[in-house]
Amino acid sequence: MRADLRAAMKEGRGGDARLIRSLIAAIDNAEAPPARVGSGAAEQHRFLSGSAEVERLSLNADRVRAILMAEIDEREQAAAEMDRLDRPDRADAVRAEARLAAGYLSRS
């Protein structure tokens, strides 16, 4: 995906780049470890001590597929809502995003 993002940016495909960034962000968010119990949002760390370094979670292919499916479902629901609001142009754009995201399912 990151290579596709670079290509979309170089080729000036802003819509594709925005979608790919969104997909990468969803996966990155899922890789974030859960917050530790009792740690505040503003917990202090000594500068350069390494105390703020936390290992990311490793996602298997099934988990990545589930994240991508959730992103696709979200876009399909949004397209249906756009149809309901008589915005076929916007619905088509959101469906195009869902199709592009679906292309990554076979790669995960």
N, C-alpha and C. Protein backbone atom coordinates (compact mmCIF):
# COMPACT_ATOMS: atom_id res chain seq x y z
N MET A 1 0.82 -1.19 0.00
CA MET A 1 0.00 0.00 0.00
C MET A 1 0.86 1.25 0.00
N ARG A 2 1.94 1.21 0.75
CA ARG A 2 2.78 2.40 0.82
C ARG A 2 3.40 2.71 -0.54
N ALA A 3 3.75 1.69 -1.30
CA ALA A 3 4.28 1.92 -2.65
C ALA A 3 3.17 2.50 -3.54
N ASP A 4 1.96 2.01 -3.40
CA ASP A 4 0.84 2.54 -4.16
C ASP A 4 0.56 3.99 -3.78
N LEU A 5 0.73 4.32 -2.51
CA LEU A 5 0.54 5.69 -2.06
C LEU A 5 1.54 6.61 -2.73
N ARG A 6 2.81 6.20 -2.73
CA ARG A 6 3.83 7.02 -3.39
C ARG A 6 3.52 7.20 -4.87
N ALA A 7 3.10 6.12 -5.53
CA ALA A 7 2.77 6.20 -6.95
C ALA A 7 1.59 7.14 -7.19
N ALA A 8 0.56 7.04 -6.37
CA ALA A 8 -0.61 7.90 -6.53
C ALA A 8 -0.24 9.36 -6.34
N MET A 9 0.64 9.63 -5.38
CA MET A 9 1.07 11.01 -5.14
C MET A 9 1.88 11.54 -6.33
N LYS A 10 2.79 10.71 -6.83
CA LYS A 10 3.61 11.14 -7.97
C LYS A 10 2.77 11.38 -9.21
N GLU A 11 1.73 10.57 -9.39
CA GLU A 11 0.89 10.66 -10.58
C GLU A 11 -0.24 11.68 -10.42
N GLY A 12 -0.31 12.32 -9.27
CA GLY A 12 -1.34 13.34 -9.05
C GLY A 12 -2.74 12.79 -8.86
N ARG A 13 -2.84 11.55 -8.40
CA ARG A 13 -4.16 10.96 -8.13
C ARG A 13 -4.50 11.20 -6.66
N GLY A 14 -4.95 12.42 -6.39
CA GLY A 14 -5.21 12.84 -5.02
C GLY A 14 -6.25 12.01 -4.31
N GLY A 15 -7.33 11.65 -5.00
CA GLY A 15 -8.39 10.84 -4.39
C GLY A 15 -7.88 9.47 -3.98
N ASP A 16 -7.10 8.84 -4.86
CA ASP A 16 -6.53 7.54 -4.53
C ASP A 16 -5.56 7.65 -3.35
N ALA A 17 -4.76 8.71 -3.36
CA ALA A 17 -3.79 8.91 -2.27
C ALA A 17 -4.52 9.09 -0.94
N ARG A 18 -5.61 9.86 -0.93
CA ARG A 18 -6.36 10.06 0.32
C ARG A 18 -6.92 8.73 0.83
N LEU A 19 -7.47 7.93 -0.09
CA LEU A 19 -8.03 6.64 0.33
C LEU A 19 -6.94 5.73 0.89
N ILE A 20 -5.83 5.63 0.18
CA ILE A 20 -4.75 4.74 0.62
C ILE A 20 -4.20 5.20 1.96
N ARG A 21 -4.08 6.51 2.16
CA ARG A 21 -3.65 7.02 3.47
C ARG A 21 -4.63 6.59 4.56
N SER A 22 -5.92 6.65 4.24
CA SER A 22 -6.94 6.26 5.20
C SER A 22 -6.83 4.77 5.55
N LEU A 23 -6.59 3.93 4.55
CA LEU A 23 -6.44 2.49 4.79
C LEU A 23 -5.20 2.21 5.63
N ILE A 24 -4.11 2.86 5.30
CA ILE A 24 -2.87 2.69 6.07
C ILE A 24 -3.08 3.12 7.52
N ALA A 25 -3.78 4.23 7.70
CA ALA A 25 -4.05 4.73 9.06
C ALA A 25 -4.89 3.74 9.85
N ALA A 26 -5.87 3.12 9.21
CA ALA A 26 -6.71 2.13 9.90
C ALA A 26 -5.87 0.94 10.36
N ILE A 27 -4.96 0.50 9.52
CA ILE A 27 -4.10 -0.62 9.88
C ILE A 27 -3.11 -0.19 10.97
N ASP A 28 -2.53 0.99 10.81
CA ASP A 28 -1.60 1.49 11.83
C ASP A 28 -2.29 1.61 13.19
N ASN A 29 -3.52 2.10 13.20
CA ASN A 29 -4.26 2.22 14.46
C ASN A 29 -4.49 0.86 15.10
N ALA A 30 -4.76 -0.15 14.29
CA ALA A 30 -4.98 -1.49 14.83
C ALA A 30 -3.68 -2.09 15.39
N GLU A 31 -2.54 -1.62 14.90
CA GLU A 31 -1.25 -2.11 15.39
C GLU A 31 -0.83 -1.45 16.70
N ALA A 32 -1.53 -0.41 17.11
CA ALA A 32 -1.18 0.29 18.35
C ALA A 32 -1.52 -0.59 19.54
N PRO A 33 -0.59 -0.72 20.47
CA PRO A 33 -0.87 -1.54 21.65
C PRO A 33 -1.91 -0.87 22.53
N PRO A 34 -2.66 -1.66 23.29
CA PRO A 34 -3.65 -1.06 24.20
C PRO A 34 -2.95 -0.22 25.27
N ALA A 35 -3.65 0.80 25.73
CA ALA A 35 -3.11 1.66 26.79
C ALA A 35 -2.95 0.85 28.06
N ARG A 36 -1.91 1.15 28.78
CA ARG A 36 -1.67 0.46 30.05
C ARG A 36 -2.62 1.00 31.10
N VAL A 37 -3.11 0.11 31.94
CA VAL A 37 -4.01 0.51 33.02
C VAL A 37 -3.25 1.41 33.99
N GLY A 38 -3.88 2.51 34.35
CA GLY A 38 -3.28 3.41 35.31
C GLY A 38 -2.35 4.45 34.71
N SER A 39 -2.12 4.38 33.40
CA SER A 39 -1.25 5.40 32.81
C SER A 39 -2.11 6.52 32.27
N GLY A 40 -1.77 7.72 32.63
CA GLY A 40 -2.51 8.88 32.17
C GLY A 40 -2.12 9.26 30.76
N ALA A 41 -2.96 10.05 30.13
CA ALA A 41 -2.69 10.48 28.76
C ALA A 41 -1.45 11.36 28.70
N ALA A 42 -1.16 12.06 29.77
CA ALA A 42 -0.02 12.98 29.79
C ALA A 42 1.11 12.43 30.65
N GLU A 43 1.32 11.14 30.60
CA GLU A 43 2.39 10.53 31.40
C GLU A 43 3.73 11.11 30.99
N GLN A 44 4.53 11.46 31.95
CA GLN A 44 5.82 12.08 31.69
C GLN A 44 6.89 11.02 31.41
N HIS A 45 7.74 11.31 30.45
CA HIS A 45 8.86 10.44 30.10
C HIS A 45 10.13 11.28 30.08
N ARG A 46 11.20 10.70 30.51
CA ARG A 46 12.47 11.41 30.42
C ARG A 46 12.91 11.44 28.97
N PHE A 47 13.37 12.57 28.52
CA PHE A 47 13.81 12.75 27.15
C PHE A 47 14.93 11.78 26.81
N LEU A 48 14.80 11.08 25.70
CA LEU A 48 15.78 10.11 25.18
C LEU A 48 16.02 8.93 26.10
N SER A 49 15.12 8.65 27.03
CA SER A 49 15.31 7.51 27.93
C SER A 49 14.80 6.21 27.32
N GLY A 50 14.00 6.31 26.26
CA GLY A 50 13.41 5.11 25.67
C GLY A 50 12.16 4.67 26.38
N SER A 51 11.75 5.40 27.42
CA SER A 51 10.59 4.99 28.21
C SER A 51 9.28 5.13 27.44
N ALA A 52 9.27 5.89 26.36
CA ALA A 52 8.05 6.07 25.58
C ALA A 52 7.96 5.08 24.42
N GLU A 53 8.99 4.29 24.22
CA GLU A 53 9.01 3.34 23.11
C GLU A 53 8.19 2.10 23.47
N VAL A 54 7.23 1.79 22.62
CA VAL A 54 6.37 0.63 22.84
C VAL A 54 6.30 -0.15 21.53
N GLU A 55 6.48 -1.45 21.62
CA GLU A 55 6.44 -2.29 20.43
C GLU A 55 5.02 -2.35 19.87
N ARG A 56 4.92 -2.24 18.55
CA ARG A 56 3.63 -2.31 17.87
C ARG A 56 3.14 -3.75 17.85
N LEU A 57 1.83 -3.93 17.75
CA LEU A 57 1.26 -5.27 17.63
C LEU A 57 1.49 -5.77 16.21
N SER A 58 1.61 -7.06 16.07
CA SER A 58 1.77 -7.67 14.76
C SER A 58 0.42 -8.23 14.33
N LEU A 59 -0.06 -7.81 13.17
CA LEU A 59 -1.37 -8.26 12.68
C LEU A 59 -1.18 -9.38 11.68
N ASN A 60 -2.01 -10.40 11.80
CA ASN A 60 -1.97 -11.47 10.81
C ASN A 60 -2.84 -11.08 9.60
N ALA A 61 -2.78 -11.88 8.56
CA ALA A 61 -3.50 -11.57 7.32
C ALA A 61 -5.01 -11.49 7.54
N ASP A 62 -5.54 -12.35 8.41
CA ASP A 62 -6.98 -12.32 8.68
C ASP A 62 -7.40 -11.00 9.33
N ARG A 63 -6.59 -10.49 10.24
CA ARG A 63 -6.91 -9.23 10.91
C ARG A 63 -6.85 -8.06 9.93
N VAL A 64 -5.86 -8.07 9.04
CA VAL A 64 -5.76 -7.01 8.03
C VAL A 64 -6.96 -7.07 7.10
N ARG A 65 -7.36 -8.29 6.71
CA ARG A 65 -8.56 -8.43 5.86
C ARG A 65 -9.79 -7.87 6.56
N ALA A 66 -9.93 -8.15 7.85
CA ALA A 66 -11.08 -7.67 8.61
C ALA A 66 -11.09 -6.14 8.66
N ILE A 67 -9.93 -5.54 8.81
CA ILE A 67 -9.84 -4.07 8.82
C ILE A 67 -10.24 -3.52 7.46
N LEU A 68 -9.73 -4.12 6.40
CA LEU A 68 -10.07 -3.66 5.05
C LEU A 68 -11.57 -3.84 4.77
N MET A 69 -12.13 -4.97 5.21
CA MET A 69 -13.57 -5.20 5.01
C MET A 69 -14.39 -4.15 5.76
N ALA A 70 -13.96 -3.78 6.95
CA ALA A 70 -14.68 -2.75 7.71
C ALA A 70 -14.62 -1.41 6.97
N GLU A 71 -13.48 -1.09 6.40
CA GLU A 71 -13.34 0.15 5.64
C GLU A 71 -14.23 0.13 4.39
N ILE A 72 -14.29 -1.01 3.73
CA ILE A 72 -15.14 -1.15 2.54
C ILE A 72 -16.61 -1.03 2.93
N ASP A 73 -17.01 -1.74 4.00
CA ASP A 73 -18.40 -1.68 4.47
C ASP A 73 -18.80 -0.25 4.82
N GLU A 74 -17.90 0.47 5.47
CA GLU A 74 -18.18 1.85 5.84
C GLU A 74 -18.46 2.70 4.59
N ARG A 75 -17.68 2.49 3.56
CA ARG A 75 -17.88 3.25 2.33
C ARG A 75 -19.15 2.82 1.59
N GLU A 76 -19.47 1.55 1.63
CA GLU A 76 -20.70 1.09 0.98
C GLU A 76 -21.93 1.67 1.70
N GLN A 77 -21.87 1.73 3.02
CA GLN A 77 -22.97 2.33 3.78
C GLN A 77 -23.08 3.83 3.47
N ALA A 78 -21.95 4.49 3.35
CA ALA A 78 -21.96 5.91 3.02
C ALA A 78 -22.54 6.13 1.62
N ALA A 79 -22.21 5.26 0.68
CA ALA A 79 -22.75 5.36 -0.68
C ALA A 79 -24.26 5.17 -0.67
N ALA A 80 -24.73 4.22 0.11
CA ALA A 80 -26.18 4.00 0.21
C ALA A 80 -26.87 5.24 0.78
N GLU A 81 -26.23 5.86 1.76
CA GLU A 81 -26.80 7.09 2.34
C GLU A 81 -26.80 8.22 1.32
N MET A 82 -25.75 8.30 0.52
CA MET A 82 -25.71 9.34 -0.53
C MET A 82 -26.81 9.10 -1.56
N ASP A 83 -27.05 7.84 -1.89
CA ASP A 83 -28.17 7.53 -2.80
C ASP A 83 -29.49 7.97 -2.18
N ARG A 84 -29.66 7.69 -0.90
CA ARG A 84 -30.89 8.06 -0.21
C ARG A 84 -31.09 9.57 -0.21
N LEU A 85 -29.99 10.30 -0.14
CA LEU A 85 -30.05 11.77 -0.14
C LEU A 85 -30.07 12.36 -1.55
N ASP A 86 -30.23 11.48 -2.54
CA ASP A 86 -30.26 11.89 -3.94
C ASP A 86 -28.97 12.61 -4.36
N ARG A 87 -27.83 12.00 -4.00
CA ARG A 87 -26.51 12.51 -4.37
C ARG A 87 -25.76 11.42 -5.13
N PRO A 88 -26.26 11.05 -6.32
CA PRO A 88 -25.64 9.93 -7.04
C PRO A 88 -24.17 10.18 -7.41
N ASP A 89 -23.80 11.44 -7.65
CA ASP A 89 -22.41 11.74 -7.97
C ASP A 89 -21.49 11.38 -6.81
N ARG A 90 -21.89 11.75 -5.61
CA ARG A 90 -21.09 11.44 -4.42
C ARG A 90 -21.11 9.95 -4.11
N ALA A 91 -22.28 9.32 -4.32
CA ALA A 91 -22.39 7.87 -4.09
C ALA A 91 -21.44 7.11 -5.02
N ASP A 92 -21.37 7.54 -6.27
CA ASP A 92 -20.46 6.88 -7.22
C ASP A 92 -19.01 7.04 -6.79
N ALA A 93 -18.64 8.22 -6.28
CA ALA A 93 -17.27 8.46 -5.84
C ALA A 93 -16.92 7.57 -4.65
N VAL A 94 -17.85 7.43 -3.73
CA VAL A 94 -17.60 6.60 -2.55
C VAL A 94 -17.54 5.12 -2.95
N ARG A 95 -18.36 4.71 -3.89
CA ARG A 95 -18.29 3.32 -4.38
C ARG A 95 -16.96 3.05 -5.08
N ALA A 96 -16.45 4.04 -5.78
CA ALA A 96 -15.14 3.89 -6.43
C ALA A 96 -14.06 3.68 -5.37
N GLU A 97 -14.15 4.40 -4.26
CA GLU A 97 -13.22 4.19 -3.16
C GLU A 97 -13.32 2.76 -2.63
N ALA A 98 -14.55 2.27 -2.47
CA ALA A 98 -14.76 0.90 -1.97
C ALA A 98 -14.15 -0.12 -2.93
N ARG A 99 -14.29 0.12 -4.23
CA ARG A 99 -13.70 -0.81 -5.21
C ARG A 99 -12.18 -0.79 -5.13
N LEU A 100 -11.61 0.40 -4.99
CA LEU A 100 -10.15 0.50 -4.87
C LEU A 100 -9.68 -0.22 -3.61
N ALA A 101 -10.37 -0.01 -2.51
CA ALA A 101 -10.01 -0.69 -1.26
C ALA A 101 -10.16 -2.20 -1.39
N ALA A 102 -11.18 -2.65 -2.11
CA ALA A 102 -11.40 -4.10 -2.30
C ALA A 102 -10.24 -4.74 -3.06
N GLY A 103 -9.57 -3.97 -3.89
CA GLY A 103 -8.41 -4.49 -4.60
C GLY A 103 -7.29 -4.95 -3.67
N TYR A 104 -7.26 -4.41 -2.46
CA TYR A 104 -6.23 -4.80 -1.50
C TYR A 104 -6.59 -6.08 -0.75
N LEU A 105 -7.82 -6.53 -0.85
CA LEU A 105 -8.21 -7.76 -0.15
C LEU A 105 -7.44 -8.97 -0.67
N SER A 106 -7.22 -9.02 -1.97
CA SER A 106 -6.51 -10.17 -2.54
C SER A 106 -5.02 -10.13 -2.21
N ARG A 107 -4.53 -8.96 -1.81
CA ARG A 107 -3.10 -8.82 -1.50
C ARG A 107 -2.81 -9.10 -0.04
N SER A 108 -3.83 -9.04 0.82
CA SER A 108 -3.57 -9.18 2.26
C SER A 108 -3.39 -10.62 2.68
